[in-house]
């Protein structure tokens, strides 16, 4: 059976970053690689997922967390060089100089709806601006309405709809559709 999937691609120019406060007192932290086990509070880490996260740190990616009462309740990953795979859309893109990609973001179910995701996004954007980055990219699936809302609160602008076909385990990218 052939299935069509849509991924929304967003960009933030880092000029105007909104002030978004979480509804519970959270601290924004850059997670050291040696504390990777803190992410198990957010999701179970299979040996394969743990290895994937370790490879991200080895590649130079950064993991940011929201900490609530000493517990990690959200994580977002950041990639600033190399080639970034946009896996849901069956594509990859070289990370251009002064660009960053935010990806694989997750919030603990018990604290969802408390502005933690857009809070972390805006803190990442401020960090990037302070380091002279030009823009940040992020994407989400058509079905992930909660993620779309968080991305909108952080004032990212949608740039493209990325469509692909899934057929017999293969992902076939279709031409991107710009959003005007």
N, C-alpha and C. Protein backbone atom coordinates (compact mmCIF):
# COMPACT_ATOMS: atom_id res chain seq x y z
N UNK A 1 0.83 -1.18 0.00
CA UNK A 1 0.00 0.00 0.00
C UNK A 1 0.88 1.25 0.00
N UNK A 2 0.59 2.18 -0.84
CA UNK A 2 1.32 3.44 -0.93
C UNK A 2 0.68 4.46 -0.01
N UNK A 3 1.52 5.16 0.73
CA UNK A 3 1.05 6.16 1.67
C UNK A 3 1.79 7.48 1.40
N UNK A 4 1.05 8.58 1.38
CA UNK A 4 1.66 9.90 1.21
C UNK A 4 1.85 10.53 2.58
N UNK A 5 3.04 11.09 2.83
CA UNK A 5 3.32 11.77 4.09
C UNK A 5 3.75 13.20 3.79
N UNK A 6 3.39 14.11 4.70
CA UNK A 6 3.76 15.51 4.56
C UNK A 6 4.53 15.95 5.79
N UNK A 7 5.63 16.63 5.55
CA UNK A 7 6.45 17.21 6.61
C UNK A 7 6.50 18.71 6.36
N UNK A 8 6.31 19.50 7.41
CA UNK A 8 6.40 20.96 7.31
C UNK A 8 7.79 21.40 7.72
N UNK A 9 8.40 22.23 6.89
CA UNK A 9 9.73 22.77 7.14
C UNK A 9 9.60 24.24 7.52
N UNK A 10 10.23 24.62 8.63
CA UNK A 10 10.15 25.98 9.16
C UNK A 10 11.55 26.58 9.30
N UNK A 11 11.58 27.91 9.27
CA UNK A 11 12.85 28.65 9.42
C UNK A 11 12.63 29.82 10.37
N UNK A 12 13.66 30.13 11.14
CA UNK A 12 13.63 31.30 12.03
C UNK A 12 14.89 32.11 11.73
N UNK A 13 14.71 33.41 11.49
CA UNK A 13 15.83 34.29 11.13
C UNK A 13 16.59 34.83 12.34
N UNK A 14 16.15 34.53 13.55
CA UNK A 14 16.82 34.92 14.80
C UNK A 14 16.82 36.41 15.07
N UNK A 15 16.01 37.16 14.35
CA UNK A 15 15.96 38.61 14.57
C UNK A 15 15.07 38.95 15.75
N UNK A 16 13.84 38.52 15.70
CA UNK A 16 12.89 38.77 16.79
C UNK A 16 12.51 37.42 17.39
N UNK A 17 12.90 37.22 18.63
CA UNK A 17 12.62 35.97 19.33
C UNK A 17 11.62 36.28 20.44
N UNK A 18 10.47 35.65 20.41
CA UNK A 18 9.46 35.98 21.42
C UNK A 18 9.88 35.51 22.82
N UNK A 19 9.27 36.11 23.81
CA UNK A 19 9.47 35.69 25.20
C UNK A 19 8.38 34.65 25.50
N UNK A 20 8.78 33.41 25.68
CA UNK A 20 7.83 32.35 26.00
C UNK A 20 8.25 31.76 27.34
N UNK A 21 7.34 31.82 28.30
CA UNK A 21 7.63 31.28 29.62
C UNK A 21 6.84 30.00 29.84
N UNK A 22 7.48 29.00 30.42
CA UNK A 22 6.76 27.76 30.72
C UNK A 22 5.79 28.00 31.88
N UNK A 23 4.76 27.18 31.94
CA UNK A 23 3.76 27.32 33.00
C UNK A 23 4.17 26.62 34.30
N UNK A 24 5.33 25.97 34.28
CA UNK A 24 5.94 25.43 35.49
C UNK A 24 7.39 25.92 35.49
N UNK A 25 8.00 26.09 36.65
CA UNK A 25 9.36 26.64 36.68
C UNK A 25 10.40 25.64 36.15
N UNK A 26 10.90 25.91 34.98
CA UNK A 26 11.89 25.04 34.33
C UNK A 26 13.20 25.78 34.17
N UNK A 27 14.25 25.01 34.17
CA UNK A 27 15.58 25.53 33.88
C UNK A 27 16.02 24.96 32.53
N UNK A 28 16.59 25.81 31.69
CA UNK A 28 17.10 25.43 30.38
C UNK A 28 18.56 25.04 30.54
N UNK A 29 18.91 23.81 30.15
CA UNK A 29 20.25 23.29 30.38
C UNK A 29 20.79 22.64 29.12
N UNK A 30 22.07 22.86 28.84
CA UNK A 30 22.76 22.10 27.80
C UNK A 30 23.25 20.82 28.46
N UNK A 31 22.78 19.69 27.98
CA UNK A 31 23.08 18.41 28.60
C UNK A 31 24.48 17.94 28.24
N UNK A 32 25.34 17.69 29.23
CA UNK A 32 26.64 17.09 28.92
C UNK A 32 26.46 15.63 28.49
N UNK A 33 27.31 15.16 27.60
CA UNK A 33 27.21 13.78 27.10
C UNK A 33 27.25 12.77 28.23
N UNK A 34 27.97 13.06 29.29
CA UNK A 34 28.07 12.10 30.40
C UNK A 34 26.76 11.97 31.17
N UNK A 35 25.81 12.87 30.92
CA UNK A 35 24.52 12.80 31.60
C UNK A 35 23.41 12.30 30.68
N UNK A 36 23.77 11.61 29.65
CA UNK A 36 22.80 11.10 28.68
C UNK A 36 21.70 10.27 29.35
N UNK A 37 22.03 9.59 30.42
CA UNK A 37 21.05 8.76 31.11
C UNK A 37 19.87 9.58 31.67
N UNK A 38 20.03 10.91 31.82
CA UNK A 38 18.93 11.75 32.30
C UNK A 38 17.75 11.73 31.32
N UNK A 39 18.01 11.41 30.07
CA UNK A 39 16.93 11.41 29.07
C UNK A 39 15.98 10.24 29.26
N UNK A 40 16.37 9.24 30.05
CA UNK A 40 15.47 8.11 30.29
C UNK A 40 14.22 8.54 31.05
N UNK A 41 14.26 9.69 31.71
CA UNK A 41 13.05 10.20 32.37
C UNK A 41 12.03 10.66 31.33
N UNK A 42 12.48 10.94 30.11
CA UNK A 42 11.60 11.44 29.06
C UNK A 42 11.11 10.30 28.16
N UNK A 43 12.01 9.37 27.87
CA UNK A 43 11.64 8.22 27.04
C UNK A 43 12.54 7.06 27.38
N UNK A 44 12.04 5.87 27.16
CA UNK A 44 12.90 4.71 27.40
C UNK A 44 13.95 4.68 26.29
N UNK A 45 15.16 4.41 26.69
CA UNK A 45 16.26 4.39 25.72
C UNK A 45 16.69 2.95 25.49
N UNK A 46 16.26 2.42 24.37
CA UNK A 46 16.72 1.09 23.98
C UNK A 46 18.21 1.18 23.72
N UNK A 47 18.91 0.05 23.73
CA UNK A 47 20.34 0.10 23.39
C UNK A 47 20.60 0.78 22.05
N UNK A 48 19.71 0.57 21.08
CA UNK A 48 19.87 1.20 19.76
C UNK A 48 19.69 2.71 19.85
N UNK A 49 18.68 3.18 20.59
CA UNK A 49 18.44 4.62 20.74
C UNK A 49 19.58 5.27 21.52
N UNK A 50 20.06 4.60 22.56
CA UNK A 50 21.18 5.12 23.34
C UNK A 50 22.42 5.28 22.45
N UNK A 51 22.68 4.29 21.61
CA UNK A 51 23.81 4.37 20.68
C UNK A 51 23.62 5.51 19.69
N UNK A 52 22.40 5.71 19.20
CA UNK A 52 22.11 6.82 18.29
C UNK A 52 22.41 8.16 18.97
N UNK A 53 21.98 8.32 20.23
CA UNK A 53 22.23 9.56 20.96
C UNK A 53 23.73 9.76 21.21
N UNK A 54 24.44 8.69 21.52
CA UNK A 54 25.90 8.80 21.71
C UNK A 54 26.58 9.23 20.42
N UNK A 55 26.12 8.71 19.28
CA UNK A 55 26.68 9.10 17.98
C UNK A 55 26.42 10.57 17.69
N UNK A 56 25.27 11.06 18.11
CA UNK A 56 24.98 12.49 17.92
C UNK A 56 25.98 13.34 18.68
N UNK A 57 26.26 12.98 19.91
CA UNK A 57 27.26 13.73 20.68
C UNK A 57 28.63 13.64 20.01
N UNK A 58 28.99 12.47 19.52
CA UNK A 58 30.29 12.29 18.84
C UNK A 58 30.38 13.13 17.57
N UNK A 59 29.27 13.31 16.90
CA UNK A 59 29.23 14.10 15.68
C UNK A 59 29.28 15.60 15.98
N UNK A 60 29.07 15.96 17.25
CA UNK A 60 29.13 17.37 17.63
C UNK A 60 27.77 17.99 17.89
N UNK A 61 26.70 17.19 17.86
CA UNK A 61 25.37 17.72 18.14
C UNK A 61 25.26 18.07 19.62
N UNK A 62 24.29 18.92 19.92
CA UNK A 62 24.04 19.37 21.28
C UNK A 62 22.64 18.95 21.68
N UNK A 63 22.50 18.55 22.94
CA UNK A 63 21.19 18.22 23.47
C UNK A 63 20.85 19.23 24.56
N UNK A 64 19.68 19.85 24.44
CA UNK A 64 19.19 20.79 25.43
C UNK A 64 18.02 20.16 26.16
N UNK A 65 17.93 20.41 27.45
CA UNK A 65 16.82 19.88 28.24
C UNK A 65 16.16 20.99 29.03
N UNK A 66 14.89 20.75 29.35
CA UNK A 66 14.18 21.55 30.35
C UNK A 66 14.17 20.71 31.61
N UNK A 67 14.64 21.29 32.69
CA UNK A 67 14.73 20.60 33.96
C UNK A 67 13.66 21.16 34.90
N UNK A 68 12.86 20.29 35.46
CA UNK A 68 11.81 20.68 36.41
C UNK A 68 12.00 19.85 37.68
N UNK A 69 12.29 20.53 38.76
CA UNK A 69 12.50 19.89 40.05
C UNK A 69 13.55 18.79 39.98
N UNK A 70 14.64 19.08 39.28
CA UNK A 70 15.75 18.14 39.18
C UNK A 70 15.53 17.01 38.20
N UNK A 71 14.46 17.06 37.45
CA UNK A 71 14.12 15.99 36.50
C UNK A 71 14.06 16.58 35.08
N UNK A 72 14.70 15.91 34.14
CA UNK A 72 14.59 16.32 32.74
C UNK A 72 13.17 16.01 32.26
N UNK A 73 12.48 17.02 31.72
CA UNK A 73 11.10 16.83 31.26
C UNK A 73 10.95 17.09 29.75
N UNK A 74 12.00 17.56 29.12
CA UNK A 74 11.97 17.82 27.68
C UNK A 74 13.39 17.77 27.16
N UNK A 75 13.56 17.28 25.92
CA UNK A 75 14.84 17.43 25.23
C UNK A 75 14.61 17.86 23.80
N UNK A 76 15.59 18.58 23.28
CA UNK A 76 15.66 18.98 21.87
C UNK A 76 17.11 18.86 21.44
N UNK A 77 17.32 18.34 20.25
CA UNK A 77 18.67 18.19 19.70
C UNK A 77 18.95 19.33 18.72
N UNK A 78 20.23 19.67 18.60
CA UNK A 78 20.68 20.73 17.71
C UNK A 78 21.89 20.25 16.92
N UNK A 79 21.84 20.42 15.60
CA UNK A 79 22.96 20.07 14.72
C UNK A 79 23.40 21.33 13.99
N UNK A 80 24.71 21.59 13.98
CA UNK A 80 25.22 22.82 13.35
C UNK A 80 26.22 22.57 12.23
N UNK A 81 26.51 21.32 11.93
CA UNK A 81 27.36 21.03 10.77
C UNK A 81 27.10 19.62 10.28
N UNK A 82 27.69 19.30 9.13
CA UNK A 82 27.48 17.99 8.55
C UNK A 82 26.27 17.97 7.63
N UNK A 83 25.66 16.81 7.52
CA UNK A 83 24.46 16.63 6.71
C UNK A 83 23.33 16.23 7.65
N UNK A 84 22.23 16.95 7.57
CA UNK A 84 21.11 16.67 8.45
C UNK A 84 20.06 15.84 7.72
N UNK A 85 19.73 14.66 8.27
CA UNK A 85 18.68 13.84 7.66
C UNK A 85 17.30 14.31 8.10
N UNK A 86 16.46 14.62 7.15
CA UNK A 86 15.06 14.93 7.43
C UNK A 86 14.32 13.63 7.16
N UNK A 87 14.45 12.70 8.08
CA UNK A 87 14.00 11.33 7.86
C UNK A 87 12.52 11.20 7.51
N UNK A 88 11.62 11.93 8.19
CA UNK A 88 10.21 11.72 7.83
C UNK A 88 9.91 12.07 6.37
N UNK A 89 10.73 12.93 5.77
CA UNK A 89 10.49 13.36 4.39
C UNK A 89 11.39 12.63 3.40
N UNK A 90 12.22 11.70 3.89
CA UNK A 90 13.10 10.94 2.99
C UNK A 90 14.16 11.79 2.33
N UNK A 91 14.63 12.82 3.02
CA UNK A 91 15.61 13.75 2.46
C UNK A 91 16.74 13.98 3.45
N UNK A 92 17.76 14.65 2.96
CA UNK A 92 18.82 15.17 3.83
C UNK A 92 19.31 16.48 3.22
N UNK A 93 19.88 17.31 4.08
CA UNK A 93 20.38 18.61 3.63
C UNK A 93 21.70 18.90 4.30
N UNK A 94 22.64 19.41 3.54
CA UNK A 94 23.90 19.86 4.13
C UNK A 94 23.60 21.06 5.02
N UNK A 95 24.19 21.07 6.19
CA UNK A 95 24.02 22.19 7.10
C UNK A 95 24.96 23.30 6.63
N UNK A 96 24.39 24.40 6.20
CA UNK A 96 25.17 25.53 5.68
C UNK A 96 25.84 26.26 6.83
N UNK A 97 26.93 26.98 6.54
CA UNK A 97 27.57 27.78 7.59
C UNK A 97 26.56 28.76 8.19
N UNK A 98 26.61 28.91 9.50
CA UNK A 98 25.76 29.83 10.27
C UNK A 98 24.30 29.39 10.33
N UNK A 99 24.02 28.15 9.92
CA UNK A 99 22.68 27.59 10.05
C UNK A 99 22.69 26.50 11.11
N UNK A 100 21.52 26.27 11.70
CA UNK A 100 21.38 25.21 12.70
C UNK A 100 20.07 24.48 12.46
N UNK A 101 20.06 23.20 12.82
CA UNK A 101 18.86 22.37 12.70
C UNK A 101 18.46 21.87 14.07
N UNK A 102 17.24 22.17 14.47
CA UNK A 102 16.66 21.66 15.71
C UNK A 102 15.82 20.44 15.32
N UNK A 103 15.98 19.35 16.06
CA UNK A 103 15.29 18.12 15.67
C UNK A 103 15.10 17.21 16.88
N UNK A 104 14.32 16.18 16.69
CA UNK A 104 14.06 15.15 17.70
C UNK A 104 13.77 15.78 19.07
N UNK A 105 12.63 16.43 19.16
CA UNK A 105 12.21 17.10 20.38
C UNK A 105 11.12 16.27 21.05
N UNK A 106 11.19 16.15 22.37
CA UNK A 106 10.21 15.35 23.09
C UNK A 106 9.99 15.90 24.48
N UNK A 107 8.72 15.93 24.90
CA UNK A 107 8.32 16.38 26.22
C UNK A 107 7.63 15.25 26.95
N UNK A 108 7.92 15.11 28.23
CA UNK A 108 7.25 14.10 29.06
C UNK A 108 5.74 14.37 29.01
N UNK A 109 4.99 13.32 28.85
CA UNK A 109 3.54 13.46 28.69
C UNK A 109 2.89 14.20 29.86
N UNK A 110 3.36 14.00 31.07
CA UNK A 110 2.72 14.60 32.25
C UNK A 110 2.82 16.12 32.30
N UNK A 111 3.74 16.72 31.51
CA UNK A 111 3.89 18.19 31.54
C UNK A 111 3.63 18.82 30.17
N UNK A 112 3.05 18.07 29.27
CA UNK A 112 2.71 18.64 27.96
C UNK A 112 1.63 19.70 28.12
N UNK A 113 1.63 20.69 27.24
CA UNK A 113 0.64 21.76 27.30
C UNK A 113 1.01 22.86 28.27
N UNK A 114 2.26 22.87 28.74
CA UNK A 114 2.70 23.87 29.70
C UNK A 114 3.76 24.81 29.12
N UNK A 115 3.79 24.94 27.81
CA UNK A 115 4.72 25.85 27.10
C UNK A 115 6.19 25.48 27.24
N UNK A 116 6.48 24.26 27.61
CA UNK A 116 7.88 23.87 27.78
C UNK A 116 8.59 23.78 26.43
N UNK A 117 7.95 23.18 25.45
CA UNK A 117 8.55 23.04 24.12
C UNK A 117 8.87 24.40 23.50
N UNK A 118 7.91 25.33 23.40
CA UNK A 118 8.28 26.63 22.81
C UNK A 118 9.27 27.41 23.69
N UNK A 119 9.24 27.20 24.99
CA UNK A 119 10.24 27.82 25.87
C UNK A 119 11.64 27.34 25.50
N UNK A 120 11.82 26.04 25.35
CA UNK A 120 13.13 25.50 24.99
C UNK A 120 13.54 25.98 23.60
N UNK A 121 12.60 25.98 22.66
CA UNK A 121 12.93 26.47 21.31
C UNK A 121 13.44 27.90 21.35
N UNK A 122 12.76 28.78 22.08
CA UNK A 122 13.19 30.18 22.11
C UNK A 122 14.53 30.33 22.83
N UNK A 123 14.80 29.49 23.81
CA UNK A 123 16.10 29.55 24.48
C UNK A 123 17.22 29.08 23.53
N UNK A 124 16.93 28.06 22.73
CA UNK A 124 17.91 27.62 21.72
C UNK A 124 18.14 28.74 20.72
N UNK A 125 17.07 29.40 20.28
CA UNK A 125 17.22 30.50 19.32
C UNK A 125 18.08 31.62 19.89
N UNK A 126 17.88 31.95 21.17
CA UNK A 126 18.71 32.99 21.81
C UNK A 126 20.17 32.57 21.87
N UNK A 127 20.39 31.30 22.17
CA UNK A 127 21.75 30.77 22.21
C UNK A 127 22.40 30.89 20.83
N UNK A 128 21.67 30.52 19.80
CA UNK A 128 22.20 30.60 18.43
C UNK A 128 22.50 32.05 18.04
N UNK A 129 21.59 32.94 18.37
CA UNK A 129 21.82 34.36 18.03
C UNK A 129 23.06 34.89 18.74
N UNK A 130 23.26 34.51 19.99
CA UNK A 130 24.43 34.97 20.75
C UNK A 130 25.73 34.42 20.17
N UNK A 131 25.63 33.35 19.39
CA UNK A 131 26.81 32.74 18.76
C UNK A 131 26.92 33.12 17.28
N UNK A 132 26.20 34.16 16.87
CA UNK A 132 26.25 34.72 15.51
C UNK A 132 25.74 33.78 14.42
N UNK A 133 24.81 32.91 14.75
CA UNK A 133 24.16 32.10 13.72
C UNK A 133 23.19 32.98 12.95
N UNK A 134 22.90 32.60 11.72
CA UNK A 134 22.01 33.40 10.87
C UNK A 134 20.56 32.92 10.92
N UNK A 135 20.36 31.61 11.08
CA UNK A 135 19.00 31.08 11.09
C UNK A 135 18.97 29.70 11.72
N UNK A 136 17.76 29.27 12.03
CA UNK A 136 17.54 27.93 12.54
C UNK A 136 16.39 27.30 11.76
N UNK A 137 16.49 26.00 11.55
CA UNK A 137 15.48 25.21 10.85
C UNK A 137 14.88 24.20 11.82
N UNK A 138 13.63 23.86 11.58
CA UNK A 138 12.96 22.80 12.34
C UNK A 138 11.86 22.25 11.44
N UNK A 139 11.40 21.04 11.72
CA UNK A 139 10.35 20.44 10.91
C UNK A 139 9.51 19.53 11.78
N UNK A 140 8.32 19.26 11.30
CA UNK A 140 7.41 18.35 11.98
C UNK A 140 6.45 17.75 10.97
N UNK A 141 5.81 16.69 11.37
CA UNK A 141 4.88 16.03 10.47
C UNK A 141 3.53 16.75 10.45
N UNK A 142 2.82 16.51 9.40
CA UNK A 142 1.48 17.08 9.21
C UNK A 142 0.55 16.70 10.36
N UNK A 143 0.74 15.52 10.91
CA UNK A 143 -0.14 15.01 11.96
C UNK A 143 0.20 15.53 13.36
N UNK A 144 1.37 16.10 13.55
CA UNK A 144 1.81 16.51 14.88
C UNK A 144 1.37 17.95 15.17
N UNK A 145 0.11 18.11 15.50
CA UNK A 145 -0.48 19.43 15.73
C UNK A 145 0.17 20.12 16.94
N UNK A 146 0.45 19.37 18.00
CA UNK A 146 1.07 19.96 19.19
C UNK A 146 2.43 20.56 18.86
N UNK A 147 3.22 19.86 18.06
CA UNK A 147 4.53 20.38 17.66
C UNK A 147 4.36 21.62 16.79
N UNK A 148 3.40 21.60 15.88
CA UNK A 148 3.15 22.77 15.03
C UNK A 148 2.81 23.99 15.89
N UNK A 149 2.01 23.80 16.93
CA UNK A 149 1.65 24.91 17.82
C UNK A 149 2.87 25.44 18.56
N UNK A 150 3.71 24.56 19.07
CA UNK A 150 4.92 24.99 19.77
C UNK A 150 5.87 25.75 18.86
N UNK A 151 6.02 25.27 17.64
CA UNK A 151 6.88 25.92 16.66
C UNK A 151 6.32 27.30 16.32
N UNK A 152 5.01 27.40 16.19
CA UNK A 152 4.37 28.70 15.91
C UNK A 152 4.56 29.67 17.07
N UNK A 153 4.46 29.19 18.31
CA UNK A 153 4.67 30.06 19.48
C UNK A 153 6.09 30.62 19.51
N UNK A 154 7.04 29.85 19.00
CA UNK A 154 8.43 30.32 18.92
C UNK A 154 8.65 31.21 17.70
N UNK A 155 7.60 31.40 16.92
CA UNK A 155 7.57 32.29 15.75
C UNK A 155 8.49 31.86 14.61
N UNK A 156 8.60 30.56 14.41
CA UNK A 156 9.21 30.05 13.18
C UNK A 156 8.23 30.30 12.05
N UNK A 157 8.74 30.43 10.85
CA UNK A 157 7.91 30.63 9.66
C UNK A 157 8.00 29.39 8.77
N UNK A 158 6.84 28.89 8.38
CA UNK A 158 6.83 27.72 7.50
C UNK A 158 7.36 28.15 6.12
N UNK A 159 8.25 27.34 5.56
CA UNK A 159 8.83 27.65 4.25
C UNK A 159 8.41 26.66 3.17
N UNK A 160 8.27 25.38 3.53
CA UNK A 160 7.96 24.35 2.53
C UNK A 160 7.10 23.25 3.14
N UNK A 161 6.36 22.63 2.26
CA UNK A 161 5.71 21.36 2.57
C UNK A 161 6.50 20.30 1.81
N UNK A 162 7.00 19.34 2.52
CA UNK A 162 7.78 18.27 1.92
C UNK A 162 6.92 17.02 1.87
N UNK A 163 6.69 16.53 0.67
CA UNK A 163 5.86 15.35 0.50
C UNK A 163 6.72 14.16 0.08
N UNK A 164 6.29 12.99 0.51
CA UNK A 164 6.96 11.77 0.07
C UNK A 164 5.95 10.64 0.01
N UNK A 165 6.31 9.62 -0.70
CA UNK A 165 5.51 8.41 -0.79
C UNK A 165 6.24 7.31 -0.04
N UNK A 166 5.50 6.54 0.73
CA UNK A 166 6.05 5.34 1.36
C UNK A 166 5.44 4.14 0.65
N UNK A 167 6.32 3.29 0.16
CA UNK A 167 5.86 2.13 -0.58
C UNK A 167 6.82 0.98 -0.32
N UNK A 168 6.30 -0.12 0.19
CA UNK A 168 7.09 -1.33 0.42
C UNK A 168 8.38 -1.05 1.19
N UNK A 169 8.28 -0.19 2.22
CA UNK A 169 9.45 0.12 3.05
C UNK A 169 10.37 1.18 2.47
N UNK A 170 10.07 1.67 1.30
CA UNK A 170 10.87 2.72 0.68
C UNK A 170 10.20 4.08 0.89
N UNK A 171 11.01 5.12 1.06
CA UNK A 171 10.50 6.49 1.14
C UNK A 171 10.98 7.21 -0.12
N UNK A 172 10.03 7.68 -0.91
CA UNK A 172 10.34 8.33 -2.18
C UNK A 172 9.96 9.81 -2.06
N UNK A 173 10.97 10.70 -2.00
CA UNK A 173 10.66 12.13 -1.89
C UNK A 173 10.03 12.67 -3.16
N UNK A 174 9.08 13.55 -2.98
CA UNK A 174 8.46 14.27 -4.09
C UNK A 174 8.98 15.71 -4.06
N UNK A 175 8.82 16.46 -5.13
CA UNK A 175 9.33 17.84 -5.13
C UNK A 175 8.70 18.66 -3.99
N UNK A 176 9.52 19.47 -3.30
CA UNK A 176 8.99 20.29 -2.22
C UNK A 176 8.06 21.37 -2.75
N UNK A 177 7.10 21.75 -1.94
CA UNK A 177 6.17 22.81 -2.32
C UNK A 177 6.43 24.02 -1.43
N UNK A 178 6.94 25.12 -2.02
CA UNK A 178 7.18 26.33 -1.21
C UNK A 178 5.86 26.91 -0.67
N UNK A 179 5.93 27.50 0.49
CA UNK A 179 4.77 28.16 1.09
C UNK A 179 5.03 29.66 0.99
N UNK A 180 4.09 30.38 0.45
CA UNK A 180 4.28 31.83 0.24
C UNK A 180 3.53 32.60 1.28
